[in-house]
Protein backbone atom coordinates (compact mmCIF):
# COMPACT_ATOMS: atom_id res chain seq x y z
CA UNK A 1 -15.96 -4.48 -14.94
CA UNK A 2 -14.48 -6.44 -11.71
CA UNK A 3 -12.51 -8.58 -13.56
CA UNK A 4 -10.98 -5.80 -15.35
CA UNK A 5 -9.62 -4.02 -12.29
CA UNK A 6 -8.39 -7.37 -10.95
CA UNK A 7 -6.30 -7.75 -14.24
CA UNK A 8 -4.89 -4.30 -13.78
CA UNK A 9 -3.86 -5.37 -10.21
CA UNK A 10 -2.64 -8.32 -11.01
CA UNK A 11 -0.37 -7.46 -13.93
CA UNK A 12 0.61 -3.69 -13.00
CA UNK A 13 4.45 -3.32 -13.26
CA UNK A 14 3.95 -0.86 -10.24
CA UNK A 15 3.56 -2.12 -6.56
CA UNK A 16 -0.25 -1.78 -5.64
CA UNK A 17 -1.73 -2.37 -2.60
CA UNK A 18 -4.99 -1.90 -0.50
CA UNK A 19 -4.93 -1.20 2.95
CA UNK A 20 -7.73 -0.58 5.93
CA UNK A 21 -7.58 2.99 7.18
CA UNK A 22 -5.78 1.77 10.28
CA UNK A 23 -2.85 0.47 7.71
CA UNK A 24 -3.61 -3.34 7.92
CA UNK A 25 -2.94 -4.75 4.13
CA UNK A 26 -5.77 -6.72 2.70
CA UNK A 27 -4.36 -6.87 -0.59
CA UNK A 28 -1.04 -6.53 -2.13
CA UNK A 29 -0.39 -6.97 -6.06
CA UNK A 30 2.78 -9.28 -7.42
CA UNK A 31 4.66 -6.12 -8.49
CA UNK A 32 4.73 -5.54 -4.23
CA UNK A 33 6.09 -9.06 -4.01
CA UNK A 34 8.51 -8.47 -6.95
CA UNK A 35 9.75 -4.91 -5.81
CA UNK A 36 9.88 -5.41 -2.07
CA UNK A 37 10.85 -9.07 -1.88
CA UNK A 38 8.04 -9.59 0.96
CA UNK A 39 5.67 -12.65 -0.23
CA UNK A 40 1.95 -11.76 -0.04
CA UNK A 41 1.83 -14.15 2.91
CA UNK A 42 4.25 -11.78 4.57
CA UNK A 43 2.22 -8.42 4.17
CA UNK A 44 -1.30 -9.56 4.46
CA UNK A 45 -2.63 -8.65 7.94
CA UNK A 46 0.44 -6.45 8.96
CA UNK A 47 0.53 -2.80 9.07
CA UNK A 48 1.88 -0.53 6.32
CA UNK A 49 3.86 1.01 8.85
CA UNK A 50 6.25 -1.85 9.28
CA UNK A 51 7.22 -1.76 5.58
CA UNK A 52 7.63 2.10 5.21
CA UNK A 53 10.62 4.05 7.07
CA UNK A 54 9.55 6.28 9.92
CA UNK A 55 10.41 9.37 8.31
CA UNK A 56 7.16 8.82 6.12
CA UNK A 57 4.80 7.83 8.73
CA UNK A 58 3.61 11.43 9.67
CA UNK A 59 2.77 11.75 6.23
CA UNK A 60 0.92 8.76 5.86
CA UNK A 61 -1.18 9.80 8.92
CA UNK A 62 -2.03 13.36 7.41
CA UNK A 63 -3.11 11.72 4.28
CA UNK A 64 -5.13 9.33 6.13
CA UNK A 65 -6.63 12.02 8.56
CA UNK A 66 -7.76 13.86 5.54
CA UNK A 67 -9.49 11.10 3.99
CA UNK A 68 -11.34 10.40 7.13
CA UNK A 69 -12.33 14.07 7.37
CA UNK A 70 -13.41 14.19 3.62
CA UNK A 71 -11.02 16.75 2.79
CA UNK A 72 -8.91 16.67 -0.66
CA UNK A 73 -6.26 14.18 -0.25
CA UNK A 74 -4.04 12.45 -2.85
CA UNK A 75 -5.65 8.89 -4.12
CA UNK A 76 -2.11 7.65 -4.91
CA UNK A 77 1.39 8.63 -3.72
CA UNK A 78 4.99 7.58 -3.37
CA UNK A 79 6.73 6.59 -0.02
CA UNK A 80 10.00 4.57 0.28
CA UNK A 81 9.30 0.98 1.13
CA UNK A 82 11.66 -1.03 3.14
CA UNK A 83 12.56 -4.18 0.81
CA UNK A 84 13.23 -7.67 2.36
CA UNK A 85 16.96 -7.80 1.13
């Protein structure tokens, strides 16, 4: 089962990532690199806020707060991302 999820993550056309509750990236998919132009080594360990325009920060905090409190919150959502170019 683990291999199946890894295959999905590695081969997704969309940008996928995993970050800690404080926003630190711990994993990014090849789609992240392809779409943003930022390499894996550029993203890992940095905060998602560095890659998202400020006007989306409050929305991200709102979703994280709901998750921490155990309230219903989207598991996936769309944000604008700051591309390298």
